[in-house]
Protein backbone atom coordinates (compact mmCIF):
# COMPACT_ATOMS: atom_id res chain seq x y z
CA MET A 1 41.19 -0.90 38.77
CA ILE A 2 37.42 -1.43 37.87
CA ARG A 3 36.88 0.63 34.93
CA ASN A 4 33.40 1.37 33.54
CA PHE A 5 32.26 -0.60 30.31
CA TYR A 6 29.60 0.85 28.35
CA PRO A 7 28.87 -1.84 25.42
CA VAL A 8 28.84 -0.46 22.11
CA ALA A 9 25.66 -2.80 21.22
CA ALA A 10 24.32 -3.59 24.64
CA PHE A 11 21.04 -4.55 23.19
CA ALA A 12 22.48 -7.10 20.73
CA LEU A 13 21.14 -9.97 22.41
CA ALA A 14 19.78 -12.63 19.95
CA LEU A 15 21.32 -15.38 17.77
CA MET A 16 20.61 -18.28 15.46
CA ALA A 17 18.79 -21.26 13.71
CA TRP A 18 18.32 -23.56 10.63
CA PRO A 19 16.16 -25.84 8.52
CA ALA A 20 16.50 -29.46 7.02
CA LEU A 21 15.29 -32.11 4.23
CA ALA A 22 16.11 -35.56 3.55
CA ALA A 23 14.75 -36.30 -0.18
CA THR A 24 13.75 -33.72 -2.66
CA GLU A 25 11.96 -33.32 -5.92
CA HIS A 26 12.02 -30.59 -8.33
CA PRO A 27 10.66 -27.32 -7.01
CA SER A 28 7.17 -26.50 -8.32
CA ALA A 29 8.46 -23.51 -10.05
CA PRO A 30 12.09 -22.38 -10.94
CA PRO A 31 13.10 -19.70 -8.53
CA PRO A 32 14.14 -16.26 -9.98
CA SER A 33 17.69 -15.42 -9.98
CA SER A 34 17.01 -12.23 -8.04
CA ALA A 35 14.29 -10.30 -6.53
CA ALA A 36 14.69 -7.54 -9.07
CA SER A 37 14.77 -9.75 -12.01
CA SER A 38 11.27 -9.52 -13.15
CA GLY A 39 10.39 -5.83 -12.35
CA ALA A 40 7.96 -5.02 -9.55
CA PRO A 41 8.48 -6.64 -6.28
CA HIS A 42 6.93 -9.81 -6.01
CA ASP A 43 6.53 -12.98 -3.75
CA MET A 44 8.93 -15.94 -4.62
CA LYS A 45 9.03 -19.51 -3.39
CA SER A 46 10.17 -22.95 -4.26
CA VAL A 47 8.69 -26.28 -2.86
CA THR A 48 10.38 -29.29 -2.21
CA HIS A 49 9.80 -32.32 -0.09
CA GLY A 50 11.62 -34.42 2.37
CA SER A 51 11.62 -36.42 5.65
CA VAL A 52 12.87 -36.34 9.25
CA THR A 53 13.15 -38.91 11.87
CA VAL A 54 12.01 -37.97 15.54
CA ASP A 55 12.01 -40.67 18.14
CA GLY A 56 12.67 -43.22 15.63
CA ARG A 57 9.58 -42.26 13.54
CA SER A 58 9.79 -40.86 10.01
CA ILE A 59 7.93 -37.77 9.18
CA GLY A 60 7.49 -36.65 5.66
CA TYR A 61 6.87 -32.79 4.87
CA LYS A 62 6.85 -30.29 2.23
CA ALA A 63 9.17 -27.46 2.61
CA ILE A 64 8.46 -23.99 1.39
CA ALA A 65 11.32 -21.56 0.89
CA GLY A 66 10.58 -18.09 -0.30
CA VAL A 67 10.45 -14.43 0.08
CA MET A 68 7.30 -12.49 0.91
CA VAL A 69 6.65 -8.95 -0.10
CA ILE A 70 5.31 -6.84 2.83
CA LYS A 71 3.04 -3.83 2.00
CA ASN A 72 1.89 -0.91 4.14
CA ASP A 73 -1.68 -0.08 4.62
CA GLN A 74 -1.91 1.72 1.25
CA GLY A 75 -0.80 -1.41 -0.65
CA GLU A 76 2.72 -0.23 -1.21
CA PRO A 77 5.80 -2.53 -0.96
CA TYR A 78 8.18 -1.50 1.56
CA THR A 79 10.13 -4.55 2.57
CA SER A 80 10.41 -8.40 2.02
CA MET A 81 11.08 -11.05 4.31
CA SER A 82 12.42 -14.58 3.57
CA TYR A 83 11.37 -17.62 5.40
CA VAL A 84 11.35 -21.44 5.31
CA ALA A 85 8.32 -23.34 6.20
CA TYR A 86 7.95 -27.11 7.13
CA VAL A 87 4.47 -28.70 6.64
CA LYS A 88 3.79 -32.23 7.78
CA GLU A 89 2.35 -34.32 4.69
CA GLY A 90 -0.33 -36.83 4.96
CA VAL A 91 -2.62 -34.50 7.27
CA ASP A 92 -6.24 -34.59 6.43
CA ASP A 93 -7.30 -31.80 8.65
CA GLN A 94 -5.06 -28.93 9.12
CA ASP A 95 -7.43 -27.08 11.43
CA ASN A 96 -6.08 -29.73 13.89
CA ARG A 97 -2.41 -29.10 13.09
CA PRO A 98 -0.64 -26.48 15.20
CA ILE A 99 1.70 -24.14 13.29
CA THR A 100 4.41 -22.28 15.14
CA PHE A 101 6.27 -18.95 13.92
CA PHE A 102 9.91 -18.85 14.85
CA TYR A 103 12.45 -16.18 14.75
CA ASN A 104 15.75 -14.96 16.34
CA GLY A 105 16.49 -11.56 17.71
CA GLY A 106 19.47 -9.20 17.84
CA PRO A 107 17.64 -7.15 16.89
CA GLY A 108 19.51 -7.61 13.51
CA SER A 109 19.91 -11.31 13.12
CA SER A 110 18.21 -13.66 10.72
CA THR A 111 16.60 -16.81 12.02
CA VAL A 112 19.38 -19.19 10.43
CA TRP A 113 20.30 -20.34 14.17
CA LEU A 114 16.77 -21.61 15.34
CA HIS A 115 16.51 -23.16 12.03
CA MET A 116 19.86 -25.06 11.66
CA LEU A 117 20.82 -25.48 15.18
CA ALA A 118 17.43 -26.33 16.99
CA TRP A 119 14.37 -27.09 15.27
CA GLY A 120 14.65 -27.55 11.37
CA PRO A 121 14.73 -31.18 9.91
CA LYS A 122 18.51 -30.92 9.46
CA LEU A 123 21.00 -30.23 12.27
CA VAL A 124 24.39 -28.31 11.85
CA LYS A 125 26.90 -30.29 14.18
CA VAL A 126 28.73 -27.72 16.34
CA GLY A 127 30.77 -28.10 19.38
CA ASN A 128 28.97 -28.31 22.95
CA ALA A 129 30.83 -25.77 25.01
CA THR A 130 33.90 -26.32 22.65
CA LEU A 131 35.23 -24.90 19.31
CA THR A 132 33.96 -26.74 16.36
CA PRO A 133 36.53 -28.33 14.03
CA PRO A 134 37.42 -26.66 10.84
CA ALA A 135 35.50 -27.51 7.70
CA PRO A 136 34.27 -29.46 6.10
CA TRP A 137 31.23 -29.52 8.51
CA LYS A 138 28.47 -31.94 8.76
CA LEU A 139 24.62 -31.60 8.30
CA VAL A 140 22.75 -34.33 9.92
CA ASN A 141 19.10 -35.62 10.78
CA ASN A 142 17.74 -33.67 13.69
CA ASP A 143 16.40 -36.01 16.08
CA ASN A 144 15.01 -33.16 17.98
CA SER A 145 13.06 -31.13 15.32
CA LEU A 146 9.76 -30.03 16.46
CA LEU A 147 7.87 -31.42 13.10
CA ASP A 148 6.54 -33.92 15.36
CA ALA A 149 4.25 -31.66 17.09
CA THR A 150 3.74 -28.74 14.77
CA ASP A 151 4.12 -27.29 11.41
CA MET A 152 7.13 -24.71 11.44
CA VAL A 153 7.71 -21.23 9.81
CA PHE A 154 11.21 -19.84 10.25
CA ILE A 155 11.02 -16.09 9.58
CA ASP A 156 14.17 -13.72 8.75
CA MET A 157 13.60 -10.13 10.09
CA PRO A 158 13.47 -7.21 7.40
CA GLY A 159 16.71 -6.88 5.80
CA THR A 160 18.13 -10.15 6.88
CA GLY A 161 18.14 -13.41 4.88
CA PHE A 162 17.07 -12.87 1.51
CA GLY A 163 14.77 -10.22 2.47
CA ARG A 164 15.60 -6.55 1.64
CA ILE A 165 14.08 -2.98 2.21
CA ILE A 166 12.22 -2.22 -0.97
CA GLY A 167 13.27 1.35 -1.68
CA LYS A 168 12.08 3.58 -4.46
CA ASP A 169 14.65 2.39 -7.03
CA GLU A 170 13.34 -1.21 -6.49
CA GLY A 171 9.62 -0.13 -6.97
CA GLY A 172 8.77 0.35 -3.30
CA VAL A 173 8.60 3.14 -0.61
CA GLY A 174 10.66 1.44 1.96
CA LYS A 175 13.34 3.03 4.23
CA PRO A 176 15.36 1.69 7.24
CA ASP A 177 13.24 3.52 9.69
CA MET A 178 10.05 1.90 8.41
CA VAL A 179 11.45 -1.69 9.55
CA TRP A 180 14.25 -1.15 11.94
CA GLY A 181 12.66 -0.25 15.24
CA LEU A 182 10.60 -1.97 18.21
CA ASP A 183 7.22 -1.08 16.73
CA PRO A 184 7.66 -1.39 13.02
CA ASP A 185 9.61 -4.46 13.42
CA ALA A 186 6.58 -5.96 15.10
CA GLN A 187 4.21 -4.58 12.61
CA ALA A 188 6.03 -6.10 9.80
CA PHE A 189 5.97 -9.53 11.30
CA THR A 190 2.25 -9.21 11.97
CA ARG A 191 1.55 -8.31 8.31
CA PHE A 192 3.90 -11.54 7.52
CA ILE A 193 1.95 -13.86 9.47
CA VAL A 194 -1.55 -12.60 8.57
CA ASN A 195 -0.58 -13.00 5.03
CA TYR A 196 0.93 -16.37 5.55
CA ILE A 197 -2.04 -17.81 7.29
CA THR A 198 -4.34 -16.22 4.73
CA VAL A 199 -2.41 -17.49 1.64
CA HIS A 200 -1.90 -21.03 3.21
CA ASP A 201 -5.49 -21.40 4.73
CA ARG A 202 -4.34 -21.71 8.41
CA TRP A 203 -6.55 -19.02 10.24
CA ASN A 204 -8.20 -21.97 12.11
CA SER A 205 -5.08 -23.66 13.03
CA PRO A 206 -3.65 -23.74 16.52
CA LYS A 207 -1.07 -21.01 16.63
CA PHE A 208 2.23 -20.50 18.46
CA LEU A 209 5.12 -18.01 18.68
CA PHE A 210 8.71 -19.08 19.39
CA GLY A 211 11.00 -16.23 19.80
CA GLU A 212 14.74 -16.29 21.09
CA SER A 213 16.39 -13.32 22.84
CA TYR A 214 15.35 -9.99 21.19
CA GLY A 215 12.83 -12.40 19.72
CA THR A 216 11.03 -12.70 22.91
CA THR A 217 10.85 -8.78 23.13
CA ARG A 218 9.28 -9.04 19.50
CA SER A 219 6.77 -11.70 20.79
CA ALA A 220 5.27 -9.60 23.44
CA VAL A 221 4.66 -6.69 21.10
CA LEU A 222 3.94 -9.12 18.09
CA ALA A 223 1.31 -10.91 20.29
CA ARG A 224 -0.44 -7.85 21.01
CA ASP A 225 -0.46 -6.61 17.32
CA LEU A 226 -1.84 -9.91 16.17
CA GLN A 227 -4.54 -9.87 19.05
CA GLN A 228 -5.67 -6.54 17.44
CA GLN A 229 -5.87 -8.21 13.93
CA SER A 230 -8.12 -10.79 15.57
CA VAL A 231 -5.37 -13.59 15.40
CA ALA A 232 -5.59 -15.37 18.72
CA LEU A 233 -2.68 -17.26 19.79
CA ASN A 234 -2.68 -20.71 21.65
CA GLY A 235 0.71 -20.02 23.19
CA ILE A 236 3.96 -18.29 23.21
CA VAL A 237 7.42 -19.87 23.98
CA LEU A 238 9.91 -17.40 25.14
CA LEU A 239 13.67 -18.85 24.95
CA SER A 240 16.19 -16.74 26.65
CA ALA A 241 13.83 -13.72 27.32
CA ILE A 242 14.29 -10.18 27.99
CA LEU A 243 11.11 -7.92 28.24
CA ASN A 244 12.39 -5.06 30.55
CA PHE A 245 15.89 -3.79 29.44
CA ASP A 246 16.48 -2.27 32.87
CA LEU A 247 17.24 -6.12 33.99
CA SER A 248 20.17 -6.31 31.68
CA VAL A 249 23.49 -7.06 33.21
CA ASP A 250 25.38 -5.79 30.26
CA GLY A 251 25.99 -2.32 31.25
CA PRO A 252 23.90 -1.25 34.39
CA GLN A 253 26.33 1.15 35.42
CA GLY A 254 25.13 3.37 32.74
CA ASN A 255 21.59 3.61 34.58
CA PRO A 256 22.51 4.64 38.04
CA GLY A 257 19.90 4.10 40.55
CA VAL A 258 18.60 0.90 39.20
CA ASN A 259 20.50 -2.03 40.84
CA ILE A 260 18.20 -4.67 40.39
CA SER A 261 19.92 -6.23 37.33
CA TYR A 262 23.09 -7.03 39.59
CA ALA A 263 20.86 -9.13 41.62
CA THR A 264 19.13 -10.90 39.01
CA GLY A 265 22.34 -11.57 37.07
CA LEU A 266 24.20 -12.99 40.15
CA PRO A 267 22.69 -16.47 39.79
CA SER A 268 24.09 -16.87 36.23
CA TYR A 269 27.54 -15.84 37.62
CA ALA A 270 27.14 -18.57 40.15
CA ALA A 271 26.19 -21.27 37.51
CA THR A 272 29.21 -20.09 35.29
CA ALA A 273 31.63 -20.58 38.27
CA TRP A 274 29.71 -23.79 38.95
CA PHE A 275 30.38 -25.17 35.42
CA HIS A 276 33.88 -24.06 35.34
CA ASN A 277 34.62 -25.38 38.76
CA LYS A 278 35.85 -22.02 40.11
CA LEU A 279 33.78 -22.13 43.37
CA PRO A 280 35.85 -22.31 46.47
CA GLY A 281 35.27 -25.36 48.41
CA GLU A 282 33.67 -28.55 47.35
CA ARG A 283 31.46 -28.25 44.15
CA PRO A 284 27.56 -28.35 44.87
CA ALA A 285 26.19 -31.77 43.45
CA ASP A 286 22.76 -30.19 42.87
CA LEU A 287 22.84 -26.97 40.68
CA PRO A 288 19.20 -26.03 40.97
CA ALA A 289 19.51 -26.41 44.81
CA PHE A 290 22.63 -24.33 44.86
CA LEU A 291 21.18 -21.63 42.64
CA ASP A 292 18.00 -21.41 44.92
CA LYS A 293 20.46 -20.35 47.75
CA VAL A 294 21.96 -17.80 45.51
CA GLU A 295 18.94 -16.34 44.41
CA GLN A 296 17.79 -16.01 48.01
CA PHE A 297 20.83 -14.16 48.95
CA ALA A 298 20.66 -12.23 45.75
CA MET A 299 17.27 -10.60 46.26
CA THR A 300 17.63 -10.01 50.11
CA ASP A 301 21.15 -9.43 51.73
CA TYR A 302 22.82 -8.40 48.46
CA LEU A 303 20.19 -6.35 46.84
CA LEU A 304 19.90 -4.45 50.30
CA ALA A 305 23.61 -4.04 50.61
CA ILE A 306 24.12 -2.37 47.02
CA ASN A 307 21.10 -0.37 47.46
CA LYS A 308 22.94 1.44 50.54
CA ILE A 309 26.35 0.71 49.51
CA HIS A 310 27.74 4.03 50.83
CA ARG A 311 26.34 3.62 54.15
CA LEU A 312 27.98 0.16 54.82
CA ASP A 313 31.16 0.14 56.81
CA ASP A 314 34.22 -1.93 55.65
CA ALA A 315 33.13 -5.05 57.81
CA GLN A 316 29.55 -5.02 56.31
CA LYS A 317 31.02 -4.86 52.88
CA LYS A 318 33.41 -7.53 53.41
CA LYS A 319 30.70 -9.92 54.76
CA ILE A 320 28.84 -9.47 51.56
CA ALA A 321 31.93 -9.69 49.47
CA GLU A 322 32.97 -13.05 51.00
CA THR A 323 29.51 -14.49 50.50
CA MET A 324 29.86 -13.31 46.67
CA HIS A 325 33.06 -14.96 46.45
CA ARG A 326 31.79 -18.28 47.80
CA TYR A 327 29.02 -18.08 45.17
CA THR A 328 30.66 -16.66 42.15
CA GLY A 329 34.47 -17.44 42.51
CA LEU A 330 35.61 -13.94 42.10
CA PRO A 331 38.21 -12.71 44.42
CA VAL A 332 37.06 -10.85 47.48
CA ASP A 333 39.62 -8.02 46.69
CA TYR A 334 38.00 -7.54 43.08
CA ILE A 335 34.48 -7.56 44.41
CA LEU A 336 35.19 -4.84 47.04
CA GLU A 337 36.99 -2.59 44.38
CA ALA A 338 33.81 -2.96 42.29
CA ASP A 339 31.76 -1.83 45.23
CA LEU A 340 30.08 -5.33 45.26
CA THR A 341 28.49 -4.46 41.75
CA VAL A 342 30.05 -6.63 38.86
CA THR A 343 28.70 -6.28 35.30
CA GLY A 344 28.30 -9.35 33.04
CA GLY A 345 31.22 -8.24 30.91
CA GLN A 346 33.57 -7.83 33.97
CA PHE A 347 32.60 -11.24 35.26
CA ALA A 348 33.18 -12.94 31.98
CA HIS A 349 36.77 -11.41 31.64
CA GLU A 350 37.53 -11.98 35.29
CA LEU A 351 36.48 -15.49 36.16
CA LEU A 352 39.15 -17.23 34.25
CA ASP A 353 41.58 -14.22 34.36
CA LYS A 354 44.37 -16.34 35.80
CA GLU A 355 44.29 -18.58 32.82
CA ASP A 356 44.35 -15.58 30.40
CA SER A 357 40.87 -16.63 29.00
CA VAL A 358 37.64 -15.20 28.96
CA THR A 359 34.05 -16.95 29.13
CA GLY A 360 31.23 -16.59 26.46
CA ARG A 361 28.65 -13.94 27.08
CA LEU A 362 25.61 -15.60 25.50
CA ASP A 363 26.92 -19.01 26.58
CA SER A 364 29.55 -18.83 29.33
CA ARG A 365 30.36 -22.60 29.11
CA TYR A 366 32.41 -21.47 26.19
CA VAL A 367 36.04 -20.33 26.65
CA GLY A 368 38.44 -18.31 24.62
CA PRO A 369 41.65 -16.75 24.93
CA ALA A 370 41.69 -13.16 26.22
CA MET A 371 42.15 -10.55 23.60
CA ASP A 372 43.62 -8.08 25.93
CA PRO A 373 44.30 -9.47 29.59
CA LEU A 374 44.34 -6.01 31.00
CA SER A 375 40.86 -5.16 29.49
CA GLU A 376 37.55 -5.20 31.39
CA ARG A 377 35.76 -7.17 28.85
CA ALA A 378 36.21 -9.91 26.28
CA HIS A 379 35.93 -7.98 23.14
CA TYR A 380 34.34 -11.13 21.35
CA ASP A 381 32.09 -13.96 22.28
CA PRO A 382 33.77 -17.49 22.23
CA MET A 383 30.45 -19.11 21.54
CA ASN A 384 30.04 -16.91 18.26
CA SER A 385 33.37 -18.13 17.20
CA ALA A 386 32.27 -21.72 17.68
CA ILE A 387 29.13 -21.75 15.62
CA SER A 388 28.79 -19.03 13.22
CA ALA A 389 31.03 -20.10 10.51
CA PRO A 390 29.56 -23.73 10.09
CA THR A 391 25.94 -22.79 10.42
CA VAL A 392 26.10 -19.94 7.82
CA ALA A 393 28.25 -22.06 5.43
CA LEU A 394 25.82 -25.12 5.56
CA PHE A 395 22.73 -23.23 5.31
CA ASN A 396 24.22 -21.38 2.19
CA ALA A 397 24.51 -24.78 0.66
CA TYR A 398 21.42 -26.39 2.01
CA VAL A 399 19.04 -23.58 0.93
CA ARG A 400 20.38 -23.93 -2.77
CA ASN A 401 21.27 -27.33 -3.09
CA THR A 402 18.30 -29.00 -1.33
CA LEU A 403 15.52 -26.38 -0.90
CA LYS A 404 16.33 -25.04 -4.66
CA PHE A 405 16.05 -21.54 -3.56
CA GLY A 406 18.33 -18.44 -3.45
CA GLU A 407 20.38 -19.00 -6.56
CA ASP A 408 22.40 -15.75 -7.46
CA MET A 409 20.98 -14.10 -4.24
CA LYS A 410 22.89 -13.13 -1.17
CA TYR A 411 21.82 -14.43 2.35
CA ARG A 412 22.48 -12.03 5.19
CA PRO A 413 22.89 -13.89 8.51
CA SER A 414 22.62 -10.37 10.19
CA VAL A 415 22.55 -6.66 9.33
CA TYR A 416 24.01 -5.49 12.75
CA ARG A 417 26.50 -3.31 11.18
CA MET A 418 23.81 -1.69 8.75
CA ILE A 419 21.55 -0.94 11.75
CA TYR A 420 24.05 0.33 13.87
CA GLY A 421 26.21 2.24 11.11
CA LYS A 422 24.53 4.08 8.18
CA ALA A 423 21.02 3.47 9.40
CA GLY A 424 21.63 5.20 12.69
CA GLY A 425 20.73 2.53 15.10
CA TRP A 426 17.57 0.70 16.08
CA ASP A 427 14.50 2.92 17.02
CA TRP A 428 13.52 1.86 20.58
CA GLU A 429 10.48 4.03 20.85
CA HIS A 430 7.45 2.22 21.82
CA HIS A 431 3.95 3.31 21.44
CA GLY A 432 5.26 7.02 21.37
CA ARG A 433 7.48 6.49 24.36
CA SER A 434 11.36 6.67 24.30
CA GLY A 435 13.68 5.31 26.98
CA THR A 436 14.71 1.99 28.21
CA PRO A 437 12.55 -0.61 26.51
CA ASN A 438 10.05 -2.52 28.63
CA VAL A 439 7.19 -4.65 26.79
CA MET A 440 5.98 -6.48 29.89
CA ASN A 441 2.60 -4.39 29.55
CA ASP A 442 2.14 -5.88 25.89
CA LEU A 443 2.37 -9.43 27.15
CA ALA A 444 0.16 -8.85 30.03
CA ALA A 445 -2.31 -7.03 27.83
CA THR A 446 -2.48 -9.98 25.41
CA MET A 447 -2.98 -12.45 28.24
CA VAL A 448 -5.79 -10.57 29.71
CA GLN A 449 -7.53 -9.95 26.37
CA ASN A 450 -6.85 -13.85 25.49
CA PRO A 451 -6.97 -15.72 28.93
CA ASN A 452 -6.87 -19.11 27.20
CA MET A 453 -3.26 -18.31 25.95
CA ASN A 454 -0.49 -19.86 27.82
CA VAL A 455 3.27 -18.67 28.13
CA LEU A 456 6.41 -21.12 28.53
CA LEU A 457 9.55 -19.40 29.46
CA THR A 458 12.78 -21.19 29.06
CA GLY A 459 16.30 -20.28 29.82
CA GLY A 460 19.87 -21.47 30.27
CA TYR A 461 21.49 -21.04 33.69
CA MET A 462 24.89 -20.26 31.96
CA ASP A 463 23.65 -17.18 29.94
CA LEU A 464 25.23 -13.77 30.85
CA GLY A 465 23.20 -12.04 27.85
CA THR A 466 19.78 -12.60 29.23
CA PRO A 467 20.12 -14.01 32.74
CA TYR A 468 17.42 -16.75 33.43
CA TYR A 469 16.70 -15.39 36.87
CA ALA A 470 16.02 -11.86 35.51
CA ALA A 471 13.38 -13.51 32.97
CA GLU A 472 11.95 -15.43 35.76
CA PHE A 473 11.56 -12.24 37.73
CA GLU A 474 9.79 -10.51 34.93
CA MET A 475 7.21 -13.32 34.82
CA TYR A 476 6.38 -12.91 38.66
CA GLN A 477 6.12 -8.86 37.97
CA LEU A 478 3.62 -9.11 35.08
CA PRO A 479 0.80 -6.96 35.73
CA ILE A 480 -1.89 -9.65 35.49
CA PRO A 481 -4.76 -11.02 37.62
CA ALA A 482 -3.76 -13.72 39.91
CA LYS A 483 -5.92 -16.26 38.28
CA LEU A 484 -3.83 -15.94 34.97
CA ARG A 485 -0.61 -16.71 36.67
CA LYS A 486 -1.37 -20.56 36.14
CA ASN A 487 -0.90 -19.77 32.29
CA ILE A 488 2.88 -19.15 32.80
CA HIS A 489 5.12 -22.17 32.85
CA MET A 490 8.93 -22.09 33.41
CA GLU A 491 11.73 -24.59 32.43
CA PHE A 492 15.61 -23.97 32.94
CA PHE A 493 18.32 -26.03 31.69
CA PRO A 494 22.06 -26.30 32.35
CA SER A 495 23.20 -24.70 29.08
CA GLY A 496 23.44 -21.13 27.79
CA HIS A 497 21.47 -18.60 25.69
CA MET A 498 21.09 -21.17 22.83
CA ILE A 499 20.12 -23.91 25.11
CA TYR A 500 19.88 -26.44 22.06
CA LEU A 501 23.80 -26.35 21.75
CA ASN A 502 23.80 -28.81 24.76
CA PRO A 503 22.66 -32.08 23.20
CA LYS A 504 21.15 -33.36 26.46
CA ALA A 505 19.33 -30.05 27.11
CA HIS A 506 18.29 -29.90 23.58
CA LYS A 507 16.29 -33.13 23.97
CA LYS A 508 14.52 -31.71 27.17
CA LEU A 509 13.73 -28.53 25.62
CA HIS A 510 12.14 -30.39 22.68
CA ASP A 511 9.96 -32.44 25.11
CA ALA A 512 9.17 -29.41 27.24
CA THR A 513 7.95 -27.56 23.92
CA VAL A 514 6.07 -30.51 22.49
CA LYS A 515 4.29 -30.89 25.91
CA PHE A 516 3.45 -27.18 25.90
CA ILE A 517 2.17 -27.34 22.43
CA GLU A 518 0.01 -30.30 22.92
CA ALA A 519 -1.46 -29.06 26.22
CA ASN A 520 -2.61 -25.74 24.64
CA TYR A 521 -4.98 -26.87 21.76
CA LYS A 522 -7.95 -29.22 21.72
CA LYS A 523 -8.27 -31.61 19.02
CA GLN A 524 -11.74 -31.77 17.40
């Protein structure tokens, strides 16, 4: 029997990243042992130097690892945010050197994942759609670091990394509800970026945002906030985007009357079935061409059918179910029992049911044993199991031994338990309105006010957390003038939520991002 599943953290969508170095010098100042060791809250940093090789070319850089104290409009400290910046050395004119600000999502995740698995100078070696072997793990040169195209600042959201909410006992006025919410989170990032470009004299540099998962939600709000602070962006890269949470396939049965997410999620089911060779008949050789057919079916016959499901006769239902079987590999009887509407969790649990295995949610290429074969969901994500331990372990060693920062301090990869436990959850109210989050208007407003700004949407076909076609649908539905649609660019890859876990896709994502950055600023 198909049972309803309401995810405990349906909005916990983001994930990870990391930095890197090659050779180091002594830090310019000894890092304090803890944020509270010298009384009042204050900024801390350590400067080291290294090099990375990209496309056979060695790039020297300065690395700045630190913690920035964030103050409210009254000048009172309320939180701190940790970061690692990489600045290319030997650049005479920084005004011609782009700078990109990176962050993961969750909400509740640090940016260790984008830093250490995607774009930093060093790369943690993890399994590609397979479990990572046990420790010891390896840290290697990142051939796909973006330092060849842009300076990089990896920012941890408040409360994660080495950052902390600065309460009364620590000399501040901070409380969880001042940072853990859609609007206050974006405000904290705005303050960080404005302070960073002021302190480091980067106001005139070409500026880009790069957010992953909930980080794309943040980017939409942050870009608008920055625009209001006279910080005009050159471009925004959205990786595994979700702007309208009505399009989430995590728990759409909790939102009756809104069926669009079943349709926009269907192509990701098809891509997953294709990857695991679970499609009936001959496996299509051309994945994008196959998905074009699925998208067409999803938005026409399928969406029409589920919108009038109780007016269909048995023969009509069966016809749709048989097409779904052909595209997803799920049994016809299962699809019929679900009234043609299968959630992401149900699909991940059912596709490999005969093997007592489940697919990953954020990257459905990953597979793990079913925790409960009779359940309707996986209860864990095999992708997380493959990458979390090595990434966090190597970052903790790297930041202290190479970046010379964080001694006697604790690095928090995430604060999910804190947000959804004692703090009472993430505040989704946006501009005074509660309900299902939708920040499409924020991105649209920024594009209208800054018509030179471009957007690059990227996604993985095998992502059940933020399906690629749902993100594409959002782009086409943005309320912007027709002439601005040329500013939107899209690239999709045969990978999951964290595209860069597939080495071949990582290289292509690097090249697409470099091309986008270089196309969106004019060298003087």
